[in-house]
PDB file of N, CA and C in Angstrom:
ATOM      1  N   MET A   1       1.419  -1.310  -0.061  1.00  0.00           N
ATOM      2  CA  MET A   1      -0.077   0.161  -0.147  1.00  0.00           C
ATOM      3  C   MET A   1       1.089   1.228  -0.277  1.00  0.00           C
ATOM      4  N   GLU A   2       0.356   2.002  -1.491  1.00  0.00           N
ATOM      5  CA  GLU A   2       1.434   3.465  -0.950  1.00  0.00           C
ATOM      6  C   GLU A   2       0.745   4.426   0.129  1.00  0.00           C
ATOM      7  N   SER A   3       1.704   4.735   1.075  1.00  0.00           N
ATOM      8  CA  SER A   3       1.700   5.927   1.989  1.00  0.00           C
ATOM      9  C   SER A   3       0.155   7.120   1.610  1.00  0.00           C
ATOM     10  N   LEU A   4      -0.494   6.733   2.829  1.00  0.00           N
ATOM     11  CA  LEU A   4      -0.834   8.437   2.493  1.00  0.00           C
ATOM     12  C   LEU A   4      -0.967   9.614   3.562  1.00  0.00           C
ATOM     13  N   LYS A   5      -0.612  10.741   2.577  1.00  0.00           N
ATOM     14  CA  LYS A   5       0.112  11.905   3.724  1.00  0.00           C
ATOM     15  C   LYS A   5      -0.634  13.300   3.086  1.00  0.00           C
ATOM     16  N   PHE A   6       0.421  13.862   4.287  1.00  0.00           N
ATOM     17  CA  PHE A   6      -0.700  15.782   3.529  1.00  0.00           C
ATOM     18  C   PHE A   6      -0.632  15.902   1.809  1.00  0.00           C
ATOM     19  N   GLY A   7      -1.674  15.986   1.773  1.00  0.00           N
ATOM     20  CA  GLY A   7      -1.185  16.678   0.287  1.00  0.00           C
ATOM     21  C   GLY A   7      -1.767  15.359  -0.873  1.00  0.00           C
ATOM     22  N   SER A   8      -2.377  14.169  -0.205  1.00  0.00           N
ATOM     23  CA  SER A   8      -2.698  12.940  -1.144  1.00  0.00           C
ATOM     24  C   SER A   8      -4.435  13.128  -1.171  1.00  0.00           C
ATOM     25  N   GLU A   9      -4.653  12.726  -2.114  1.00  0.00           N
ATOM     26  CA  GLU A   9      -6.423  12.665  -2.319  1.00  0.00           C
ATOM     27  C   GLU A   9      -6.926  11.500  -2.448  1.00  0.00           C
ATOM     28  N   GLY A  10      -7.931  11.406  -2.713  1.00  0.00           N
ATOM     29  CA  GLY A  10      -9.177  10.670  -3.514  1.00  0.00           C
ATOM     30  C   GLY A  10      -9.856   9.552  -2.055  1.00  0.00           C
ATOM     31  N   PRO A  11     -10.358   9.010  -3.033  1.00  0.00           N
ATOM     32  CA  PRO A  11     -10.936   7.591  -2.211  1.00  0.00           C
ATOM     33  C   PRO A  11     -10.710   7.310  -0.851  1.00  0.00           C
ATOM     34  N   ALA A  12      -9.210   7.117  -1.178  1.00  0.00           N
ATOM     35  CA  ALA A  12      -8.771   5.913   0.184  1.00  0.00           C
ATOM     36  C   ALA A  12      -8.233   7.071   1.397  1.00  0.00           C
ATOM     37  N   VAL A  13      -8.370   8.199   0.863  1.00  0.00           N
ATOM     38  CA  VAL A  13      -8.404   9.397   2.000  1.00  0.00           C
ATOM     39  C   VAL A  13      -9.578   9.649   2.882  1.00  0.00           C
ATOM     40  N   ARG A  14     -10.426   9.483   1.997  1.00  0.00           N
ATOM     41  CA  ARG A  14     -12.194   9.566   2.213  1.00  0.00           C
ATOM     42  C   ARG A  14     -12.242   8.260   3.455  1.00  0.00           C
ATOM     43  N   PHE A  15     -11.831   7.394   2.820  1.00  0.00           N
ATOM     44  CA  PHE A  15     -12.010   6.102   3.531  1.00  0.00           C
ATOM     45  C   PHE A  15     -11.043   5.915   5.441  1.00  0.00           C
ATOM     46  N   LEU A  16      -9.631   6.838   4.793  1.00  0.00           N
ATOM     47  CA  LEU A  16      -8.978   7.014   6.099  1.00  0.00           C
ATOM     48  C   LEU A  16      -9.910   7.536   7.094  1.00  0.00           C
ATOM     49  N   GLN A  17     -10.325   8.648   6.716  1.00  0.00           N
ATOM     50  CA  GLN A  17     -10.616   9.508   7.515  1.00  0.00           C
ATOM     51  C   GLN A  17     -12.174   9.601   7.841  1.00  0.00           C
ATOM     52  N   VAL A  18     -13.566   8.573   6.894  1.00  0.00           N
ATOM     53  CA  VAL A  18     -14.444   7.942   8.080  1.00  0.00           C
ATOM     54  C   VAL A  18     -14.259   7.108   9.225  1.00  0.00           C
ATOM     55  N   LEU A  19     -12.318   5.870   9.174  1.00  0.00           N
ATOM     56  CA  LEU A  19     -12.486   5.812  10.071  1.00  0.00           C
ATOM     57  C   LEU A  19     -12.011   6.096  11.274  1.00  0.00           C
ATOM     58  N   LEU A  20     -11.082   7.244  10.840  1.00  0.00           N
ATOM     59  CA  LEU A  20     -10.612   8.142  11.843  1.00  0.00           C
ATOM     60  C   LEU A  20     -11.847   8.802  12.600  1.00  0.00           C
ATOM     61  N   LYS A  21     -13.094   8.858  12.131  1.00  0.00           N
ATOM     62  CA  LYS A  21     -13.873   9.437  12.977  1.00  0.00           C
ATOM     63  C   LYS A  21     -14.653   8.407  13.534  1.00  0.00           C
ATOM     64  N   GLY A  22     -14.528   7.262  12.918  1.00  0.00           N
ATOM     65  CA  GLY A  22     -15.361   5.743  14.006  1.00  0.00           C
ATOM     66  C   GLY A  22     -14.283   5.528  15.419  1.00  0.00           C
ATOM     67  N   LEU A  23     -13.104   5.918  15.143  1.00  0.00           N
ATOM     68  CA  LEU A  23     -12.241   5.614  16.013  1.00  0.00           C
ATOM     69  C   LEU A  23     -12.073   7.224  17.114  1.00  0.00           C
ATOM     70  N   GLU A  24     -12.762   7.946  16.582  1.00  0.00           N
ATOM     71  CA  GLU A  24     -12.836   8.736  17.460  1.00  0.00           C
ATOM     72  C   GLU A  24     -11.450   9.668  18.042  1.00  0.00           C
ATOM     73  N   CYS A  25     -10.397   9.919  16.479  1.00  0.00           N
ATOM     74  CA  CYS A  25      -9.113  10.259  16.529  1.00  0.00           C
ATOM     75  C   CYS A  25      -9.355  11.641  15.380  1.00  0.00           C
ATOM     76  N   ASN A  26      -9.433  13.026  16.440  1.00  0.00           N
ATOM     77  CA  ASN A  26      -9.574  14.303  15.759  1.00  0.00           C
ATOM     78  C   ASN A  26     -10.526  14.015  15.130  1.00  0.00           C
ATOM     79  N   HIS A  27     -11.399  13.523  16.158  1.00  0.00           N
ATOM     80  CA  HIS A  27     -13.172  13.085  15.097  1.00  0.00           C
ATOM     81  C   HIS A  27     -14.198  14.561  14.542  1.00  0.00           C
ATOM     82  N   GLN A  28     -13.891  15.248  15.402  1.00  0.00           N
ATOM     83  CA  GLN A  28     -14.341  16.345  15.734  1.00  0.00           C
ATOM     84  C   GLN A  28     -14.242  17.197  14.362  1.00  0.00           C
ATOM     85  N   ASN A  29     -12.827  17.376  14.136  1.00  0.00           N
ATOM     86  CA  ASN A  29     -12.450  18.371  13.186  1.00  0.00           C
ATOM     87  C   ASN A  29     -12.224  17.653  11.618  1.00  0.00           C
ATOM     88  N   ILE A  30     -12.301  16.467  11.934  1.00  0.00           N
ATOM     89  CA  ILE A  30     -11.873  15.864  10.541  1.00  0.00           C
ATOM     90  C   ILE A  30     -13.408  16.346   9.475  1.00  0.00           C
ATOM     91  N   ILE A  31     -13.074  16.628   8.494  1.00  0.00           N
ATOM     92  CA  ILE A  31     -14.209  16.040   7.171  1.00  0.00           C
ATOM     93  C   ILE A  31     -14.114  15.138   6.303  1.00  0.00           C
ATOM     94  N   PRO A  32     -14.588  14.431   6.474  1.00  0.00           N
ATOM     95  CA  PRO A  32     -14.460  13.188   5.656  1.00  0.00           C
ATOM     96  C   PRO A  32     -14.488  14.011   4.069  1.00  0.00           C
ATOM     97  N   ASP A  33     -13.821  14.396   3.225  1.00  0.00           N
ATOM     98  CA  ASP A  33     -13.752  15.171   1.666  1.00  0.00           C
ATOM     99  C   ASP A  33     -12.470  14.318   0.534  1.00  0.00           C
ATOM    100  N   GLY A  34     -11.653  13.716   1.109  1.00  0.00           N
ATOM    101  CA  GLY A  34     -10.972  13.066   0.196  1.00  0.00           C
ATOM    102  C   GLY A  34      -9.282  13.442   0.266  1.00  0.00           C
ATOM    103  N   LYS A  35      -8.790  15.033   0.768  1.00  0.00           N
ATOM    104  CA  LYS A  35      -8.018  15.735   0.894  1.00  0.00           C
ATOM    105  C   LYS A  35      -8.021  15.682   1.744  1.00  0.00           C
ATOM    106  N   PHE A  36      -5.924  15.146   2.184  1.00  0.00           N
ATOM    107  CA  PHE A  36      -5.418  14.589   3.573  1.00  0.00           C
ATOM    108  C   PHE A  36      -5.090  16.115   3.607  1.00  0.00           C
ATOM    109  N   GLY A  37      -5.430  16.479   4.634  1.00  0.00           N
ATOM    110  CA  GLY A  37      -5.150  18.424   4.855  1.00  0.00           C
ATOM    111  C   GLY A  37      -4.189  17.894   6.327  1.00  0.00           C
ATOM    112  N   GLN A  38      -4.245  19.013   7.164  1.00  0.00           N
ATOM    113  CA  GLN A  38      -3.914  19.622   8.964  1.00  0.00           C
ATOM    114  C   GLN A  38      -4.373  18.576   9.480  1.00  0.00           C
ATOM    115  N   GLN A  39      -5.898  18.593   9.507  1.00  0.00           N
ATOM    116  CA  GLN A  39      -6.675  17.332  10.470  1.00  0.00           C
ATOM    117  C   GLN A  39      -6.364  16.119  10.290  1.00  0.00           C
ATOM    118  N   THR A  40      -6.763  15.572   9.265  1.00  0.00           N
ATOM    119  CA  THR A  40      -5.999  13.860   8.717  1.00  0.00           C
ATOM    120  C   THR A  40      -4.750  14.163   9.255  1.00  0.00           C
ATOM    121  N   ALA A  41      -4.072  14.795   9.334  1.00  0.00           N
ATOM    122  CA  ALA A  41      -2.930  14.440   9.784  1.00  0.00           C
ATOM    123  C   ALA A  41      -2.675  14.236  11.248  1.00  0.00           C
ATOM    124  N   LEU A  42      -3.872  15.365  11.551  1.00  0.00           N
ATOM    125  CA  LEU A  42      -3.086  15.506  13.713  1.00  0.00           C
ATOM    126  C   LEU A  42      -4.316  13.819  14.305  1.00  0.00           C
ATOM    127  N   GLY A  43      -4.918  13.493  12.996  1.00  0.00           N
ATOM    128  CA  GLY A  43      -5.822  12.110  13.404  1.00  0.00           C
ATOM    129  C   GLY A  43      -5.243  11.273  13.039  1.00  0.00           C
ATOM    130  N   VAL A  44      -4.377  10.791  12.346  1.00  0.00           N
ATOM    131  CA  VAL A  44      -3.014  10.255  11.886  1.00  0.00           C
ATOM    132  C   VAL A  44      -2.192   9.793  13.113  1.00  0.00           C
ATOM    133  N   ARG A  45      -1.995  11.100  13.505  1.00  0.00           N
ATOM    134  CA  ARG A  45      -0.640  11.625  14.717  1.00  0.00           C
ATOM    135  C   ARG A  45      -1.685  10.787  16.296  1.00  0.00           C
ATOM    136  N   GLU A  46      -2.713  10.753  16.483  1.00  0.00           N
ATOM    137  CA  GLU A  46      -3.375  10.305  17.937  1.00  0.00           C
ATOM    138  C   GLU A  46      -3.381   9.176  17.699  1.00  0.00           C
ATOM    139  N   LEU A  47      -3.571   8.237  15.789  1.00  0.00           N
ATOM    140  CA  LEU A  47      -3.978   6.950  15.962  1.00  0.00           C
ATOM    141  C   LEU A  47      -2.653   6.178  16.129  1.00  0.00           C
ATOM    142  N   GLN A  48      -1.401   7.009  15.774  1.00  0.00           N
ATOM    143  CA  GLN A  48      -0.280   6.161  15.705  1.00  0.00           C
ATOM    144  C   GLN A  48      -0.310   6.529  17.206  1.00  0.00           C
ATOM    145  N   GLU A  49      -0.054   6.866  17.722  1.00  0.00           N
ATOM    146  CA  GLU A  49       0.155   7.498  19.732  1.00  0.00           C
ATOM    147  C   GLU A  49      -0.445   6.728  19.846  1.00  0.00           C
ATOM    148  N   ARG A  50      -1.778   6.146  19.793  1.00  0.00           N
ATOM    149  CA  ARG A  50      -2.884   5.045  20.816  1.00  0.00           C
ATOM    150  C   ARG A  50      -1.811   3.693  20.555  1.00  0.00           C
ATOM    151  N   PHE A  51      -1.944   3.493  19.811  1.00  0.00           N
ATOM    152  CA  PHE A  51      -1.438   1.978  19.109  1.00  0.00           C
ATOM    153  C   PHE A  51       0.781   2.638  18.779  1.00  0.00           C
ATOM    154  N   GLY A  52       1.173   3.252  19.828  1.00  0.00           N
ATOM    155  CA  GLY A  52       2.917   3.140  20.556  1.00  0.00           C
ATOM    156  C   GLY A  52       3.430   2.849  19.037  1.00  0.00           C
ATOM    157  N   LEU A  53       3.515   3.883  17.757  1.00  0.00           N
ATOM    158  CA  LEU A  53       3.850   4.119  16.692  1.00  0.00           C
ATOM    159  C   LEU A  53       5.005   5.318  16.747  1.00  0.00           C
ATOM    160  N   PRO A  54       5.424   5.654  15.056  1.00  0.00           N
ATOM    161  CA  PRO A  54       6.023   6.830  15.691  1.00  0.00           C
ATOM    162  C   PRO A  54       4.804   7.668  14.958  1.00  0.00           C
ATOM    163  N   LYS A  55       4.813   9.109  15.665  1.00  0.00           N
ATOM    164  CA  LYS A  55       3.569  10.783  15.188  1.00  0.00           C
ATOM    165  C   LYS A  55       4.498  10.760  13.436  1.00  0.00           C
ATOM    166  N   THR A  56       4.052   9.876  12.657  1.00  0.00           N
ATOM    167  CA  THR A  56       4.778  10.634  11.761  1.00  0.00           C
ATOM    168  C   THR A  56       3.908  11.336  11.074  1.00  0.00           C
ATOM    169  N   GLY A  57       1.970  11.182  11.325  1.00  0.00           N
ATOM    170  CA  GLY A  57       1.517  11.674  10.089  1.00  0.00           C
ATOM    171  C   GLY A  57       1.017  11.031   8.647  1.00  0.00           C
ATOM    172  N   GLU A  58       1.660  10.350   8.763  1.00  0.00           N
ATOM    173  CA  GLU A  58       1.777   9.071   7.579  1.00  0.00           C
ATOM    174  C   GLU A  58       0.981   8.251   7.754  1.00  0.00           C
ATOM    175  N   PHE A  59       0.566   7.101   6.977  1.00  0.00           N
ATOM    176  CA  PHE A  59      -0.447   6.020   6.824  1.00  0.00           C
ATOM    177  C   PHE A  59      -0.274   5.674   6.375  1.00  0.00           C
ATOM    178  N   TRP A  60       0.436   4.051   6.681  1.00  0.00           N
ATOM    179  CA  TRP A  60       0.962   3.088   5.498  1.00  0.00           C
ATOM    180  C   TRP A  60       0.856   1.885   6.225  1.00  0.00           C
ATOM    181  N   GLY A  61       1.723   1.034   5.926  1.00  0.00           N
ATOM    182  CA  GLY A  61       2.108  -0.395   6.442  1.00  0.00           C
ATOM    183  C   GLY A  61       1.861  -0.477   8.249  1.00  0.00           C
ATOM    184  N   PRO A  62       2.492  -0.149   8.757  1.00  0.00           N
ATOM    185  CA  PRO A  62       2.640  -0.153  10.137  1.00  0.00           C
ATOM    186  C   PRO A  62       1.153   0.342  10.968  1.00  0.00           C
ATOM    187  N   GLU A  63       0.720   0.880  10.440  1.00  0.00           N
ATOM    188  CA  GLU A  63      -0.727   2.252  10.576  1.00  0.00           C
ATOM    189  C   GLU A  63      -1.987   1.419   9.980  1.00  0.00           C
ATOM    190  N   HIS A  64      -1.687   0.549   8.509  1.00  0.00           N
ATOM    191  CA  HIS A  64      -2.684  -0.538   8.158  1.00  0.00           C
ATOM    192  C   HIS A  64      -2.806  -1.497   8.987  1.00  0.00           C
ATOM    193  N   GLU A  65      -1.903  -2.146   9.490  1.00  0.00           N
ATOM    194  CA  GLU A  65      -1.903  -3.889  10.323  1.00  0.00           C
ATOM    195  C   GLU A  65      -3.124  -2.754  11.908  1.00  0.00           C
ATOM    196  N   LYS A  66      -2.429  -1.996  12.260  1.00  0.00           N
ATOM    197  CA  LYS A  66      -2.782  -1.859  14.035  1.00  0.00           C
ATOM    198  C   LYS A  66      -4.594  -1.531  13.838  1.00  0.00           C
ATOM    199  N   LEU A  67      -4.486  -0.686  12.842  1.00  0.00           N
ATOM    200  CA  LEU A  67      -6.086  -0.251  12.391  1.00  0.00           C
ATOM    201  C   LEU A  67      -6.593  -1.877  11.649  1.00  0.00           C
ATOM    202  N   ASN A  68      -6.184  -2.598  11.189  1.00  0.00           N
ATOM    203  CA  ASN A  68      -6.834  -4.165  11.088  1.00  0.00           C
ATOM    204  C   ASN A  68      -7.447  -4.256  12.168  1.00  0.00           C
ATOM    205  N   GLU A  69      -6.222  -4.571  13.384  1.00  0.00           N
ATOM    206  CA  GLU A  69      -6.706  -5.745  14.598  1.00  0.00           C
ATOM    207  C   GLU A  69      -7.704  -4.804  15.637  1.00  0.00           C
ATOM    208  N   ALA A  70      -7.822  -3.511  15.138  1.00  0.00           N
ATOM    209  CA  ALA A  70      -8.710  -2.927  15.854  1.00  0.00           C
ATOM    210  C   ALA A  70     -10.077  -2.862  15.703  1.00  0.00           C
ATOM    211  N   MET A  71      -9.521  -2.559  14.718  1.00  0.00           N
ATOM    212  CA  MET A  71     -10.718  -2.947  13.982  1.00  0.00           C
ATOM    213  C   MET A  71     -12.046  -4.060  13.611  1.00  0.00           C
ATOM    214  N   GLY A  72     -10.971  -5.185  14.174  1.00  0.00           N
ATOM    215  CA  GLY A  72     -11.233  -6.453  14.343  1.00  0.00           C
ATOM    216  C   GLY A  72     -11.299  -7.465  13.261  1.00  0.00           C
ATOM    217  N   GLY A  73     -10.593  -7.241  11.404  1.00  0.00           N
ATOM    218  CA  GLY A  73     -10.478  -7.561  10.347  1.00  0.00           C
ATOM    219  C   GLY A  73      -9.977  -6.995   9.166  1.00  0.00           C
ATOM    220  N   TYR A  74      -9.926  -7.946   8.444  1.00  0.00           N
ATOM    221  CA  TYR A  74      -8.993  -6.457   7.096  1.00  0.00           C
ATOM    222  C   TYR A  74      -9.783  -5.261   6.804  1.00  0.00           C
ATOM    223  N   VAL A  75      -9.015  -4.344   7.264  1.00  0.00           N
ATOM    224  CA  VAL A  75      -9.255  -3.107   6.328  1.00  0.00           C
ATOM    225  C   VAL A  75      -9.081  -2.898   5.050  1.00  0.00           C
ATOM    226  N   ASP A  76      -9.652  -2.908   3.930  1.00  0.00           N
ATOM    227  CA  ASP A  76      -9.359  -3.343   2.250  1.00  0.00           C
ATOM    228  C   ASP A  76      -9.194  -1.890   1.846  1.00  0.00           C
ATOM    229  N   PHE A  77      -8.055  -1.775   1.724  1.00  0.00           N
ATOM    230  CA  PHE A  77      -7.515  -0.192   1.060  1.00  0.00           C
ATOM    231  C   PHE A  77      -7.492  -0.809  -0.362  1.00  0.00           C
ATOM    232  N   HIS A  78      -7.586  -1.693  -0.977  1.00  0.00           N
ATOM    233  CA  HIS A  78      -7.013  -2.174  -2.540  1.00  0.00           C
ATOM    234  C   HIS A  78      -8.432  -1.826  -3.133  1.00  0.00           C
ATOM    235  N   GLY A  79      -7.472  -0.816  -4.401  1.00  0.00           N
ATOM    236  CA  GLY A  79      -8.491  -0.254  -5.001  1.00  0.00           C
ATOM    237  C   GLY A  79      -8.628   1.310  -4.949  1.00  0.00           C
ATOM    238  N   LEU A  80      -8.072   1.385  -4.018  1.00  0.00           N
ATOM    239  CA  LEU A  80      -8.532   2.865  -3.762  1.00  0.00           C
ATOM    240  C   LEU A  80      -7.785   3.960  -3.353  1.00  0.00           C
ATOM    241  N   VAL A  81      -6.896   3.235  -2.987  1.00  0.00           N
ATOM    242  CA  VAL A  81      -5.120   3.525  -3.362  1.00  0.00           C
ATOM    243  C   VAL A  81      -4.995   4.327  -4.652  1.00  0.00           C
ATOM    244  N   GLN A  82      -4.196   5.714  -4.980  1.00  0.00           N
ATOM    245  CA  GLN A  82      -4.138   5.743  -5.878  1.00  0.00           C
ATOM    246  C   GLN A  82      -2.368   6.722  -5.914  1.00  0.00           C
ATOM    247  N   ASN A  83      -1.834   6.757  -6.878  1.00  0.00           N
ATOM    248  CA  ASN A  83      -1.001   7.424  -6.535  1.00  0.00           C
ATOM    249  C   ASN A  83      -0.703   9.186  -5.731  1.00  0.00           C
ATOM    250  N   PRO A  84      -0.421   9.030  -4.583  1.00  0.00           N
ATOM    251  CA  PRO A  84      -0.378  10.329  -3.722  1.00  0.00           C
ATOM    252  C   PRO A  84       0.629  11.217  -4.397  1.00  0.00           C
ATOM    253  N   LYS A  85      -0.218  12.760  -4.275  1.00  0.00           N
ATOM    254  CA  LYS A  85      -0.017  13.635  -4.348  1.00  0.00           C
ATOM    255  C   LYS A  85       1.365  14.167  -3.603  1.00  0.00           C
TER     256      LYS A  85
END
């Protein structure tokens, strides 16, 4: 999976934003618009802190694995990830 980071756009970012809201990671400030901006980065950092990962603000392999565990199954980004900007 390609990393999702500040400036990334598309359906995978929107999916991530919805998941972050559901996990209450900066959920009051994230708007699921498919644009990875400051609020999404803060939500990812919250998620990383919760999972004991380095707080980079980028979402990729380790975060995906931990999110799968938290959601009780496989969170499928397949087909949603495009080349991030």
